[in-house]
Amino acid sequence: MELHGKLVPLNGLPDRTAHAVQDALLMEGVELPQELIVMSFDTSIYDFWKLSSENAFKAFEAGFRDVDSAPEDGLSPLMYQCFYENDLMADWLLSKGADLERRVSQFRGMKSPTAMHLFARLVSGTPSRKFHKGIWLPVFQGDCEDVPSFPNAARRALLSGACDGCQCACSANGCLPRTNIFNTIAADNRVLEGPHLRILREWMAITLDAADELRTEVVEDLIRALTFDKLRMRHTCCHPFFYPSVNNDPFALSSEEVEEIQDEEWALVQELEAVVCGVSAAYTDFKGSILEFVEQYWELRMAQSLENLKNDDDVDATARAGVVLKPEDSD
């Protein structure tokens, strides 16, 4: 159908015709809520920052059924809502079958992330945000009244093997969605104290319980994240964008800057790998809980590691002056 020169589909409303539909309605004098105003021809009605799940439902019932509508290599609505930290809209999109596996070539310094990577970042969030909103711990306990689609999606993210293109030492072969979760835990583990630290570690245990069948692999990823942060290493991947206290303007890092950081921290990378290998192996024979393991084994191992690094003049010189102690490649 053509209305005021605008082609408007009669059968169903493919989501990215929203702009044409909007213009036709406005020309007819129909008033639209501000949060439903489509600003671009290439914008999904479900992309908007302040879109409520109530208005999303109205749009869906009106015929906008494609919740995954996105331009080629562009973010899907779910990816946008996770990035905006819009819990309720992310949950609504998941309830309508939004694709957690969608992948784009890059986004804000992230290389080939999936929707699951952004969802993992959303569901881990920050302690203050999750404490106040009351959905931090319950997500992995499977009891989320406000966001009922989160527990299943969070478990999928925890167990997913979908790596991004990260070449940072915070992950072994590209960041998994759970790397986002564990990097949040690691950063908070370093700065929280008292009851908040205890809650964090209880959440950590609940998270690992949800990944029981992949527990060994998941624990190794957790130990890597905790150790990476404890050594105060610098992220060169997507994670600094989400944790700006680590790096300033991280997604502006050039390939030369990334290489320089990796060379400067070569000795720390060797220590990281040694700790991850040794601690992960020790966990297989450990009889206690993950909390006991972290507090009784990993913390002692890290104290020893930090003391050794402190007493190592060469590594200390590297930290102070950026001198690269990487051995020369043989001809």
C-alpha atoms as a PDB file:
ATOM      1  CA  MET A   1       0.000   0.000   0.000  1.00  0.00           C
ATOM      2  CA  GLU A   2       1.183   3.532  -0.740  1.00  0.00           C
ATOM      3  CA  LEU A   3       0.211   6.270   1.700  1.00  0.00           C
ATOM      4  CA  HIS A   4       1.399   9.834   1.127  1.00  0.00           C
ATOM      5  CA  GLY A   5       4.122   8.470  -1.101  1.00  0.00           C
ATOM      6  CA  LYS A   6       5.279   6.017   1.547  1.00  0.00           C
ATOM      7  CA  LEU A   7       5.235   2.319   0.814  1.00  0.00           C
ATOM      8  CA  VAL A   8       3.640   0.594   3.787  1.00  0.00           C
ATOM      9  CA  PRO A   9       3.384  -3.220   3.832  1.00  0.00           C
ATOM     10  CA  LEU A  10      -0.064  -4.650   4.368  1.00  0.00           C
ATOM     11  CA  ASN A  11       0.928  -8.175   5.374  1.00  0.00           C
ATOM     12  CA  GLY A  12       3.010  -8.105   8.531  1.00  0.00           C
ATOM     13  CA  LEU A  13       5.338  -5.232   9.260  1.00  0.00           C
ATOM     14  CA  PRO A  14       8.984  -6.164   8.764  1.00  0.00           C
ATOM     15  CA  ASP A  15      10.624  -4.292  11.585  1.00  0.00           C
ATOM     16  CA  ARG A  16      12.847  -2.079   9.502  1.00  0.00           C
ATOM     17  CA  THR A  17       9.900  -0.582   7.662  1.00  0.00           C
ATOM     18  CA  ALA A  18       9.202   1.241  10.930  1.00  0.00           C
ATOM     19  CA  HIS A  19      10.482   4.506   9.482  1.00  0.00           C
ATOM     20  CA  ALA A  20       8.080   4.359   6.511  1.00  0.00           C
ATOM     21  CA  VAL A  21       5.169   3.379   8.755  1.00  0.00           C
ATOM     22  CA  GLN A  22       5.993   6.199  11.159  1.00  0.00           C
ATOM     23  CA  ASP A  23       6.108   8.814   8.387  1.00  0.00           C
ATOM     24  CA  ALA A  24       2.791   7.637   6.964  1.00  0.00           C
ATOM     25  CA  LEU A  25       1.138   7.827  10.397  1.00  0.00           C
ATOM     26  CA  LEU A  26       2.560  11.262  11.141  1.00  0.00           C
ATOM     27  CA  MET A  27       1.267  12.570   7.811  1.00  0.00           C
ATOM     28  CA  GLU A  28      -2.168  11.293   8.826  1.00  0.00           C
ATOM     29  CA  GLY A  29      -1.925  13.323  12.018  1.00  0.00           C
ATOM     30  CA  VAL A  30      -1.413  10.368  14.333  1.00  0.00           C
ATOM     31  CA  GLU A  31       0.577  11.270  17.444  1.00  0.00           C
ATOM     32  CA  LEU A  32       3.284   8.791  18.402  1.00  0.00           C
ATOM     33  CA  PRO A  33       4.993   8.356  21.785  1.00  0.00           C
ATOM     34  CA  GLN A  34       8.415   9.984  21.777  1.00  0.00           C
ATOM     35  CA  GLU A  35      10.139   6.739  22.645  1.00  0.00           C
ATOM     36  CA  LEU A  36       8.716   5.115  19.511  1.00  0.00           C
ATOM     37  CA  ILE A  37      10.011   7.782  17.127  1.00  0.00           C
ATOM     38  CA  VAL A  38      12.312   6.137  14.580  1.00  0.00           C
ATOM     39  CA  MET A  39      15.265   8.392  13.813  1.00  0.00           C
ATOM     40  CA  SER A  40      16.871   6.433  10.988  1.00  0.00           C
ATOM     41  CA  PHE A  41      15.833   4.323   8.016  1.00  0.00           C
ATOM     42  CA  ASP A  42      18.147   1.623   9.345  1.00  0.00           C
ATOM     43  CA  THR A  43      16.821   1.566  12.905  1.00  0.00           C
ATOM     44  CA  SER A  44      14.693  -1.142  14.428  1.00  0.00           C
ATOM     45  CA  ILE A  45      11.850  -0.025  16.637  1.00  0.00           C
ATOM     46  CA  TYR A  46      13.320  -2.333  19.277  1.00  0.00           C
ATOM     47  CA  ASP A  47      16.727  -0.602  19.229  1.00  0.00           C
ATOM     48  CA  PHE A  48      15.759   2.434  21.265  1.00  0.00           C
ATOM     49  CA  TRP A  49      17.480   3.208  24.515  1.00  0.00           C
ATOM     50  CA  LYS A  50      14.384   4.056  26.607  1.00  0.00           C
ATOM     51  CA  LEU A  51      11.913   1.715  24.973  1.00  0.00           C
ATOM     52  CA  SER A  52       9.705   0.069  27.582  1.00  0.00           C
ATOM     53  CA  SER A  53       8.654  -3.550  27.392  1.00  0.00           C
ATOM     54  CA  GLU A  54       5.021  -2.345  27.462  1.00  0.00           C
ATOM     55  CA  ASN A  55       5.452  -0.312  24.271  1.00  0.00           C
ATOM     56  CA  ALA A  56       7.535  -3.083  22.729  1.00  0.00           C
ATOM     57  CA  PHE A  57       4.605  -5.443  23.328  1.00  0.00           C
ATOM     58  CA  LYS A  58       2.238  -2.977  21.617  1.00  0.00           C
ATOM     59  CA  ALA A  59       4.553  -2.753  18.620  1.00  0.00           C
ATOM     60  CA  PHE A  60       4.827  -6.534  18.485  1.00  0.00           C
ATOM     61  CA  GLU A  61       1.036  -6.943  18.580  1.00  0.00           C
ATOM     62  CA  ALA A  62       0.705  -4.298  15.863  1.00  0.00           C
ATOM     63  CA  GLY A  63       2.754  -6.470  13.523  1.00  0.00           C
ATOM     64  CA  PHE A  64       6.423  -5.706  14.194  1.00  0.00           C
ATOM     65  CA  ARG A  65       7.325  -9.339  14.802  1.00  0.00           C
ATOM     66  CA  ASP A  66      10.974  -9.472  13.753  1.00  0.00           C
ATOM     67  CA  VAL A  67      12.797  -8.920  17.044  1.00  0.00           C
ATOM     68  CA  ASP A  68      16.134  -9.785  15.440  1.00  0.00           C
ATOM     69  CA  SER A  69      15.891  -7.294  12.592  1.00  0.00           C
ATOM     70  CA  ALA A  70      19.313  -5.741  11.982  1.00  0.00           C
ATOM     71  CA  PRO A  71      21.360  -4.344   9.102  1.00  0.00           C
ATOM     72  CA  GLU A  72      24.099  -6.496   7.628  1.00  0.00           C
ATOM     73  CA  ASP A  73      26.847  -6.875  10.246  1.00  0.00           C
ATOM     74  CA  GLY A  74      24.906  -4.546  12.546  1.00  0.00           C
ATOM     75  CA  LEU A  75      23.851  -4.996  16.158  1.00  0.00           C
ATOM     76  CA  SER A  76      20.516  -6.660  16.807  1.00  0.00           C
ATOM     77  CA  PRO A  77      17.970  -5.115  19.190  1.00  0.00           C
ATOM     78  CA  LEU A  78      19.025  -7.575  21.905  1.00  0.00           C
ATOM     79  CA  MET A  79      22.650  -6.488  21.554  1.00  0.00           C
ATOM     80  CA  TYR A  80      21.639  -2.835  21.811  1.00  0.00           C
ATOM     81  CA  GLN A  81      19.447  -3.376  24.875  1.00  0.00           C
ATOM     82  CA  CYS A  82      22.197  -5.350  26.611  1.00  0.00           C
ATOM     83  CA  PHE A  83      24.627  -2.536  25.839  1.00  0.00           C
ATOM     84  CA  TYR A  84      22.122   0.008  27.224  1.00  0.00           C
ATOM     85  CA  GLU A  85      21.749  -2.164  30.364  1.00  0.00           C
ATOM     86  CA  ASN A  86      17.994  -2.232  29.811  1.00  0.00           C
ATOM     87  CA  ASP A  87      17.234  -5.401  31.775  1.00  0.00           C
ATOM     88  CA  LEU A  88      13.497  -5.467  31.135  1.00  0.00           C
ATOM     89  CA  MET A  89      13.760  -4.955  27.379  1.00  0.00           C
ATOM     90  CA  ALA A  90      16.530  -7.550  27.100  1.00  0.00           C
ATOM     91  CA  ASP A  91      14.307  -9.980  28.984  1.00  0.00           C
ATOM     92  CA  TRP A  92      11.329  -9.159  26.756  1.00  0.00           C
ATOM     93  CA  LEU A  93      13.365  -9.729  23.594  1.00  0.00           C
ATOM     94  CA  LEU A  94      14.633 -13.048  24.948  1.00  0.00           C
ATOM     95  CA  SER A  95      11.056 -14.069  25.724  1.00  0.00           C
ATOM     96  CA  LYS A  96      10.242 -13.443  22.050  1.00  0.00           C
ATOM     97  CA  GLY A  97      13.086 -15.673  20.889  1.00  0.00           C
ATOM     98  CA  ALA A  98      15.819 -13.102  20.225  1.00  0.00           C
ATOM     99  CA  ASP A  99      18.993 -14.722  18.889  1.00  0.00           C
ATOM    100  CA  LEU A 100      21.792 -14.979  21.457  1.00  0.00           C
ATOM    101  CA  GLU A 101      24.143 -16.404  18.826  1.00  0.00           C
ATOM    102  CA  ARG A 102      24.140 -13.375  16.484  1.00  0.00           C
ATOM    103  CA  ARG A 103      27.687 -12.235  15.776  1.00  0.00           C
ATOM    104  CA  VAL A 104      29.034  -8.968  14.367  1.00  0.00           C
ATOM    105  CA  SER A 105      32.548  -8.282  13.122  1.00  0.00           C
ATOM    106  CA  GLN A 106      33.263  -5.617  15.745  1.00  0.00           C
ATOM    107  CA  PHE A 107      31.712  -3.282  18.277  1.00  0.00           C
ATOM    108  CA  ARG A 108      33.475  -0.648  20.375  1.00  0.00           C
ATOM    109  CA  GLY A 109      36.815  -2.424  20.381  1.00  0.00           C
ATOM    110  CA  MET A 110      35.343  -5.922  20.631  1.00  0.00           C
ATOM    111  CA  LYS A 111      36.298  -8.255  17.819  1.00  0.00           C
ATOM    112  CA  SER A 112      33.527 -10.524  16.501  1.00  0.00           C
ATOM    113  CA  PRO A 113      31.391 -10.554  19.656  1.00  0.00           C
ATOM    114  CA  THR A 114      28.071 -12.366  19.858  1.00  0.00           C
ATOM    115  CA  ALA A 115      24.870 -11.189  21.515  1.00  0.00           C
ATOM    116  CA  MET A 116      25.767 -13.626  24.288  1.00  0.00           C
ATOM    117  CA  HIS A 117      28.953 -11.668  25.042  1.00  0.00           C
ATOM    118  CA  LEU A 118      26.945  -8.490  25.555  1.00  0.00           C
ATOM    119  CA  PHE A 119      24.306 -10.337  27.551  1.00  0.00           C
ATOM    120  CA  ALA A 120      26.999 -11.789  29.827  1.00  0.00           C
ATOM    121  CA  ARG A 121      28.267  -8.275  30.410  1.00  0.00           C
ATOM    122  CA  LEU A 122      24.717  -7.156  31.256  1.00  0.00           C
ATOM    123  CA  VAL A 123      23.965 -10.010  33.618  1.00  0.00           C
ATOM    124  CA  SER A 124      27.208  -9.592  35.560  1.00  0.00           C
ATOM    125  CA  GLY A 125      27.045  -5.796  35.605  1.00  0.00           C
ATOM    126  CA  THR A 126      28.401  -4.106  38.687  1.00  0.00           C
ATOM    127  CA  PRO A 127      27.722  -5.057  42.308  1.00  0.00           C
ATOM    128  CA  SER A 128      26.029  -1.766  43.177  1.00  0.00           C
ATOM    129  CA  ARG A 129      23.654  -1.952  40.218  1.00  0.00           C
ATOM    130  CA  LYS A 130      22.727  -5.566  40.821  1.00  0.00           C
ATOM    131  CA  PHE A 131      22.470  -5.196  44.600  1.00  0.00           C
ATOM    132  CA  HIS A 132      20.011  -2.330  44.205  1.00  0.00           C
ATOM    133  CA  LYS A 133      17.992  -3.896  41.404  1.00  0.00           C
ATOM    134  CA  GLY A 134      17.794  -7.202  43.195  1.00  0.00           C
ATOM    135  CA  ILE A 135      18.674  -9.432  40.237  1.00  0.00           C
ATOM    136  CA  TRP A 136      22.365 -10.036  40.845  1.00  0.00           C
ATOM    137  CA  LEU A 137      22.396 -13.292  42.791  1.00  0.00           C
ATOM    138  CA  PRO A 138      19.014 -14.686  41.681  1.00  0.00           C
ATOM    139  CA  VAL A 139      20.023 -14.900  38.009  1.00  0.00           C
ATOM    140  CA  PHE A 140      22.138 -18.011  38.537  1.00  0.00           C
ATOM    141  CA  GLN A 141      19.811 -19.317  41.215  1.00  0.00           C
ATOM    142  CA  GLY A 142      17.074 -19.421  38.594  1.00  0.00           C
ATOM    143  CA  ASP A 143      14.680 -17.204  40.534  1.00  0.00           C
ATOM    144  CA  CYS A 144      14.148 -13.893  38.722  1.00  0.00           C
ATOM    145  CA  GLU A 145      10.593 -12.644  38.884  1.00  0.00           C
ATOM    146  CA  ASP A 146      11.306  -9.395  37.027  1.00  0.00           C
ATOM    147  CA  VAL A 147      13.446 -10.952  34.304  1.00  0.00           C
ATOM    148  CA  PRO A 148      12.295 -14.577  34.021  1.00  0.00           C
ATOM    149  CA  SER A 149      14.179 -15.198  30.764  1.00  0.00           C
ATOM    150  CA  PHE A 150      17.538 -14.325  32.320  1.00  0.00           C
ATOM    151  CA  PRO A 151      18.410 -17.548  34.213  1.00  0.00           C
ATOM    152  CA  ASN A 152      18.255 -19.817  31.165  1.00  0.00           C
ATOM    153  CA  ALA A 153      20.091 -17.293  28.974  1.00  0.00           C
ATOM    154  CA  ALA A 154      22.707 -16.729  31.687  1.00  0.00           C
ATOM    155  CA  ARG A 155      23.373 -20.435  31.962  1.00  0.00           C
ATOM    156  CA  ARG A 156      23.759 -20.624  28.182  1.00  0.00           C
ATOM    157  CA  ALA A 157      26.255 -17.757  28.352  1.00  0.00           C
ATOM    158  CA  LEU A 158      28.152 -19.481  31.144  1.00  0.00           C
ATOM    159  CA  LEU A 159      28.489 -22.725  29.185  1.00  0.00           C
ATOM    160  CA  SER A 160      28.909 -21.221  25.713  1.00  0.00           C
ATOM    161  CA  GLY A 161      32.000 -22.045  23.685  1.00  0.00           C
ATOM    162  CA  ALA A 162      31.578 -19.043  21.372  1.00  0.00           C
ATOM    163  CA  CYS A 163      34.926 -17.205  21.417  1.00  0.00           C
ATOM    164  CA  ASP A 164      35.367 -13.679  20.167  1.00  0.00           C
ATOM    165  CA  GLY A 165      38.504 -12.407  18.416  1.00  0.00           C
ATOM    166  CA  CYS A 166      40.257 -11.298  21.602  1.00  0.00           C
ATOM    167  CA  GLN A 167      44.039 -11.723  21.759  1.00  0.00           C
ATOM    168  CA  CYS A 168      44.372 -10.488  25.325  1.00  0.00           C
ATOM    169  CA  ALA A 169      45.952 -12.663  28.020  1.00  0.00           C
ATOM    170  CA  CYS A 170      42.705 -12.493  30.006  1.00  0.00           C
ATOM    171  CA  SER A 171      41.537 -15.381  27.830  1.00  0.00           C
ATOM    172  CA  ALA A 172      43.376 -18.366  26.456  1.00  0.00           C
ATOM    173  CA  ASN A 173      42.031 -18.411  22.893  1.00  0.00           C
ATOM    174  CA  GLY A 174      39.546 -15.567  22.625  1.00  0.00           C
ATOM    175  CA  CYS A 175      37.055 -14.389  25.219  1.00  0.00           C
ATOM    176  CA  LEU A 176      34.051 -16.556  25.938  1.00  0.00           C
ATOM    177  CA  PRO A 177      30.845 -14.946  27.208  1.00  0.00           C
ATOM    178  CA  ARG A 178      31.737 -16.154  30.701  1.00  0.00           C
ATOM    179  CA  THR A 179      35.020 -14.229  30.436  1.00  0.00           C
ATOM    180  CA  ASN A 180      32.916 -11.064  30.715  1.00  0.00           C
ATOM    181  CA  ILE A 181      31.301 -12.441  33.858  1.00  0.00           C
ATOM    182  CA  PHE A 182      34.583 -13.530  35.436  1.00  0.00           C
ATOM    183  CA  ASN A 183      36.390 -10.284  34.623  1.00  0.00           C
ATOM    184  CA  THR A 184      33.674  -8.460  36.545  1.00  0.00           C
ATOM    185  CA  ILE A 185      34.089 -10.845  39.472  1.00  0.00           C
ATOM    186  CA  ALA A 186      37.871 -10.401  39.376  1.00  0.00           C
ATOM    187  CA  ALA A 187      37.748  -6.607  39.389  1.00  0.00           C
ATOM    188  CA  ASP A 188      35.275  -6.597  42.278  1.00  0.00           C
ATOM    189  CA  ASN A 189      37.224  -9.279  44.154  1.00  0.00           C
ATOM    190  CA  ARG A 190      40.165  -6.879  44.310  1.00  0.00           C
ATOM    191  CA  VAL A 191      38.278  -3.810  45.555  1.00  0.00           C
ATOM    192  CA  LEU A 192      35.394  -5.094  47.684  1.00  0.00           C
ATOM    193  CA  GLU A 193      35.749  -5.723  51.394  1.00  0.00           C
ATOM    194  CA  GLY A 194      33.782  -7.201  54.265  1.00  0.00           C
ATOM    195  CA  PRO A 195      30.198  -8.339  53.616  1.00  0.00           C
ATOM    196  CA  HIS A 196      30.211  -7.177  49.994  1.00  0.00           C
ATOM    197  CA  LEU A 197      33.240  -9.345  49.266  1.00  0.00           C
ATOM    198  CA  ARG A 198      31.526 -12.280  50.973  1.00  0.00           C
ATOM    199  CA  ILE A 199      28.407 -11.780  48.838  1.00  0.00           C
ATOM    200  CA  LEU A 200      30.551 -11.557  45.722  1.00  0.00           C
ATOM    201  CA  ARG A 201      32.235 -14.849  46.525  1.00  0.00           C
ATOM    202  CA  GLU A 202      28.938 -16.511  47.336  1.00  0.00           C
ATOM    203  CA  TRP A 203      27.704 -15.371  43.926  1.00  0.00           C
ATOM    204  CA  MET A 204      30.865 -16.796  42.412  1.00  0.00           C
ATOM    205  CA  ALA A 205      30.086 -20.172  43.984  1.00  0.00           C
ATOM    206  CA  ILE A 206      26.486 -20.084  42.749  1.00  0.00           C
ATOM    207  CA  THR A 207      27.722 -19.216  39.270  1.00  0.00           C
ATOM    208  CA  LEU A 208      30.056 -22.209  39.210  1.00  0.00           C
ATOM    209  CA  ASP A 209      27.326 -24.506  40.510  1.00  0.00           C
ATOM    210  CA  ALA A 210      25.300 -23.569  37.423  1.00  0.00           C
ATOM    211  CA  ALA A 211      28.140 -24.846  35.240  1.00  0.00           C
ATOM    212  CA  ASP A 212      28.583 -28.194  36.916  1.00  0.00           C
ATOM    213  CA  GLU A 213      29.160 -30.269  33.767  1.00  0.00           C
ATOM    214  CA  LEU A 214      31.932 -27.909  32.621  1.00  0.00           C
ATOM    215  CA  ARG A 215      33.184 -27.137  36.089  1.00  0.00           C
ATOM    216  CA  THR A 216      36.883 -27.829  35.464  1.00  0.00           C
ATOM    217  CA  GLU A 217      37.042 -25.624  32.367  1.00  0.00           C
ATOM    218  CA  VAL A 218      34.953 -22.900  33.999  1.00  0.00           C
ATOM    219  CA  VAL A 219      37.112 -22.868  37.139  1.00  0.00           C
ATOM    220  CA  GLU A 220      40.217 -22.475  34.985  1.00  0.00           C
ATOM    221  CA  ASP A 221      38.664 -19.449  33.269  1.00  0.00           C
ATOM    222  CA  LEU A 222      37.758 -17.978  36.655  1.00  0.00           C
ATOM    223  CA  ILE A 223      41.283 -18.497  38.002  1.00  0.00           C
ATOM    224  CA  ARG A 224      42.694 -16.816  34.877  1.00  0.00           C
ATOM    225  CA  ALA A 225      40.464 -13.781  35.366  1.00  0.00           C
ATOM    226  CA  LEU A 226      41.261 -13.490  39.084  1.00  0.00           C
ATOM    227  CA  THR A 227      44.994 -13.857  38.472  1.00  0.00           C
ATOM    228  CA  PHE A 228      45.068 -11.460  35.520  1.00  0.00           C
ATOM    229  CA  ASP A 229      43.434  -8.781  37.644  1.00  0.00           C
ATOM    230  CA  LYS A 230      45.528  -9.490  40.743  1.00  0.00           C
ATOM    231  CA  LEU A 231      48.698  -9.016  38.681  1.00  0.00           C
ATOM    232  CA  ARG A 232      47.216  -5.670  37.533  1.00  0.00           C
ATOM    233  CA  MET A 233      47.747  -6.563  33.924  1.00  0.00           C
ATOM    234  CA  ARG A 234      46.241  -4.352  31.235  1.00  0.00           C
ATOM    235  CA  HIS A 235      43.407  -5.487  29.016  1.00  0.00           C
ATOM    236  CA  THR A 236      43.906  -5.032  25.291  1.00  0.00           C
ATOM    237  CA  CYS A 237      40.530  -6.472  24.332  1.00  0.00           C
ATOM    238  CA  CYS A 238      36.894  -5.506  24.720  1.00  0.00           C
ATOM    239  CA  HIS A 239      36.881  -5.677  28.497  1.00  0.00           C
ATOM    240  CA  PRO A 240      38.529  -2.335  29.262  1.00  0.00           C
ATOM    241  CA  PHE A 241      35.602  -0.697  27.486  1.00  0.00           C
ATOM    242  CA  PHE A 242      33.356  -2.165  30.149  1.00  0.00           C
ATOM    243  CA  TYR A 243      35.833  -1.641  32.974  1.00  0.00           C
ATOM    244  CA  PRO A 244      37.206   1.869  32.257  1.00  0.00           C
ATOM    245  CA  SER A 245      39.135   1.999  35.536  1.00  0.00           C
ATOM    246  CA  VAL A 246      41.665  -0.410  34.021  1.00  0.00           C
ATOM    247  CA  ASN A 247      42.562   1.548  30.889  1.00  0.00           C
ATOM    248  CA  ASN A 248      41.688   5.005  29.649  1.00  0.00           C
ATOM    249  CA  ASP A 249      40.017   5.152  26.231  1.00  0.00           C
ATOM    250  CA  PRO A 250      40.739   1.440  25.665  1.00  0.00           C
ATOM    251  CA  PHE A 251      38.920   0.881  22.387  1.00  0.00           C
ATOM    252  CA  ALA A 252      41.166   3.524  20.816  1.00  0.00           C
ATOM    253  CA  LEU A 253      44.236   1.301  21.266  1.00  0.00           C
ATOM    254  CA  SER A 254      46.101   0.821  18.012  1.00  0.00           C
ATOM    255  CA  SER A 255      47.667  -2.494  17.024  1.00  0.00           C
ATOM    256  CA  GLU A 256      51.078  -0.961  17.793  1.00  0.00           C
ATOM    257  CA  GLU A 257      49.939   0.012  21.292  1.00  0.00           C
ATOM    258  CA  VAL A 258      48.552  -3.458  21.888  1.00  0.00           C
ATOM    259  CA  GLU A 259      51.839  -5.032  20.813  1.00  0.00           C
ATOM    260  CA  GLU A 260      53.775  -2.664  23.068  1.00  0.00           C
ATOM    261  CA  ILE A 261      51.647  -3.564  26.092  1.00  0.00           C
ATOM    262  CA  GLN A 262      52.021  -7.259  25.385  1.00  0.00           C
ATOM    263  CA  ASP A 263      55.792  -6.928  25.107  1.00  0.00           C
ATOM    264  CA  GLU A 264      56.036  -4.900  28.315  1.00  0.00           C
ATOM    265  CA  GLU A 265      54.012  -7.488  30.206  1.00  0.00           C
ATOM    266  CA  TRP A 266      55.706 -10.528  28.741  1.00  0.00           C
ATOM    267  CA  ALA A 267      57.097 -11.604  32.128  1.00  0.00           C
ATOM    268  CA  LEU A 268      53.693 -11.128  33.764  1.00  0.00           C
ATOM    269  CA  VAL A 269      52.100 -13.278  31.086  1.00  0.00           C
ATOM    270  CA  GLN A 270      54.534 -16.074  31.929  1.00  0.00           C
ATOM    271  CA  GLU A 271      53.624 -15.763  35.611  1.00  0.00           C
ATOM    272  CA  LEU A 272      49.921 -15.717  34.746  1.00  0.00           C
ATOM    273  CA  GLU A 273      50.199 -18.941  32.758  1.00  0.00           C
ATOM    274  CA  ALA A 274      52.216 -20.622  35.515  1.00  0.00           C
ATOM    275  CA  VAL A 275      49.630 -19.710  38.157  1.00  0.00           C
ATOM    276  CA  VAL A 276      46.648 -20.742  36.014  1.00  0.00           C
ATOM    277  CA  CYS A 277      48.261 -24.084  35.154  1.00  0.00           C
ATOM    278  CA  GLY A 278      49.342 -24.890  38.716  1.00  0.00           C
ATOM    279  CA  VAL A 279      46.211 -23.693  40.492  1.00  0.00           C
ATOM    280  CA  SER A 280      43.813 -25.320  38.029  1.00  0.00           C
ATOM    281  CA  ALA A 281      45.637 -28.635  38.409  1.00  0.00           C
ATOM    282  CA  ALA A 282      45.438 -28.340  42.197  1.00  0.00           C
ATOM    283  CA  TYR A 283      41.685 -27.783  42.042  1.00  0.00           C
ATOM    284  CA  THR A 284      41.081 -31.229  40.528  1.00  0.00           C
ATOM    285  CA  ASP A 285      42.281 -32.810  43.808  1.00  0.00           C
ATOM    286  CA  PHE A 286      40.764 -30.222  46.154  1.00  0.00           C
ATOM    287  CA  LYS A 287      37.955 -31.586  48.334  1.00  0.00           C
ATOM    288  CA  GLY A 288      36.454 -28.331  49.599  1.00  0.00           C
ATOM    289  CA  SER A 289      34.208 -25.704  48.050  1.00  0.00           C
ATOM    290  CA  ILE A 290      35.300 -23.162  45.460  1.00  0.00           C
ATOM    291  CA  LEU A 291      35.164 -20.476  48.154  1.00  0.00           C
ATOM    292  CA  GLU A 292      37.561 -22.473  50.317  1.00  0.00           C
ATOM    293  CA  PHE A 293      39.770 -23.106  47.323  1.00  0.00           C
ATOM    294  CA  VAL A 294      40.021 -19.413  46.447  1.00  0.00           C
ATOM    295  CA  GLU A 295      40.632 -18.351  50.036  1.00  0.00           C
ATOM    296  CA  GLN A 296      42.876 -21.203  51.127  1.00  0.00           C
ATOM    297  CA  TYR A 297      44.812 -21.999  47.977  1.00  0.00           C
ATOM    298  CA  TRP A 298      44.600 -19.333  45.278  1.00  0.00           C
ATOM    299  CA  GLU A 299      45.131 -16.379  47.647  1.00  0.00           C
ATOM    300  CA  LEU A 300      48.209 -18.016  49.179  1.00  0.00           C
ATOM    301  CA  ARG A 301      49.575 -18.850  45.750  1.00  0.00           C
ATOM    302  CA  MET A 302      49.028 -15.262  44.596  1.00  0.00           C
ATOM    303  CA  ALA A 303      50.695 -13.833  47.705  1.00  0.00           C
ATOM    304  CA  GLN A 304      53.731 -15.984  46.916  1.00  0.00           C
ATOM    305  CA  SER A 305      53.630 -14.966  43.274  1.00  0.00           C
ATOM    306  CA  LEU A 306      53.436 -11.247  44.057  1.00  0.00           C
ATOM    307  CA  GLU A 307      56.267 -11.530  46.552  1.00  0.00           C
ATOM    308  CA  ASN A 308      58.444 -13.280  44.004  1.00  0.00           C
ATOM    309  CA  LEU A 309      57.690 -10.600  41.421  1.00  0.00           C
ATOM    310  CA  LYS A 310      58.427  -7.870  43.936  1.00  0.00           C
ATOM    311  CA  ASN A 311      61.824  -9.372  44.693  1.00  0.00           C
ATOM    312  CA  ASP A 312      62.687  -9.959  41.071  1.00  0.00           C
ATOM    313  CA  ASP A 313      64.821  -7.030  39.977  1.00  0.00           C
ATOM    314  CA  ASP A 314      64.321  -7.751  36.308  1.00  0.00           C
ATOM    315  CA  VAL A 315      60.524  -7.857  36.491  1.00  0.00           C
ATOM    316  CA  ASP A 316      60.561  -4.815  38.757  1.00  0.00           C
ATOM    317  CA  ALA A 317      62.597  -2.958  36.140  1.00  0.00           C
ATOM    318  CA  THR A 318      60.076  -3.984  33.515  1.00  0.00           C
ATOM    319  CA  ALA A 319      57.218  -2.557  35.563  1.00  0.00           C
ATOM    320  CA  ARG A 320      59.050   0.703  36.255  1.00  0.00           C
ATOM    321  CA  ALA A 321      60.628   1.443  32.895  1.00  0.00           C
ATOM    322  CA  GLY A 322      58.820  -0.637  30.320  1.00  0.00           C
ATOM    323  CA  VAL A 323      62.021  -2.542  29.506  1.00  0.00           C
ATOM    324  CA  VAL A 324      61.211  -5.695  27.587  1.00  0.00           C
ATOM    325  CA  LEU A 325      62.847  -8.807  29.031  1.00  0.00           C
ATOM    326  CA  LYS A 326      61.450 -11.066  26.352  1.00  0.00           C
ATOM    327  CA  PRO A 327      64.192 -13.364  25.081  1.00  0.00           C
ATOM    328  CA  GLU A 328      65.460 -12.671  21.582  1.00  0.00           C
ATOM    329  CA  ASP A 329      64.022 -14.873  18.895  1.00  0.00           C
ATOM    330  CA  SER A 330      66.583 -17.245  17.489  1.00  0.00           C
ATOM    331  CA  ASP A 331      67.512 -16.877  13.833  1.00  0.00           C
END
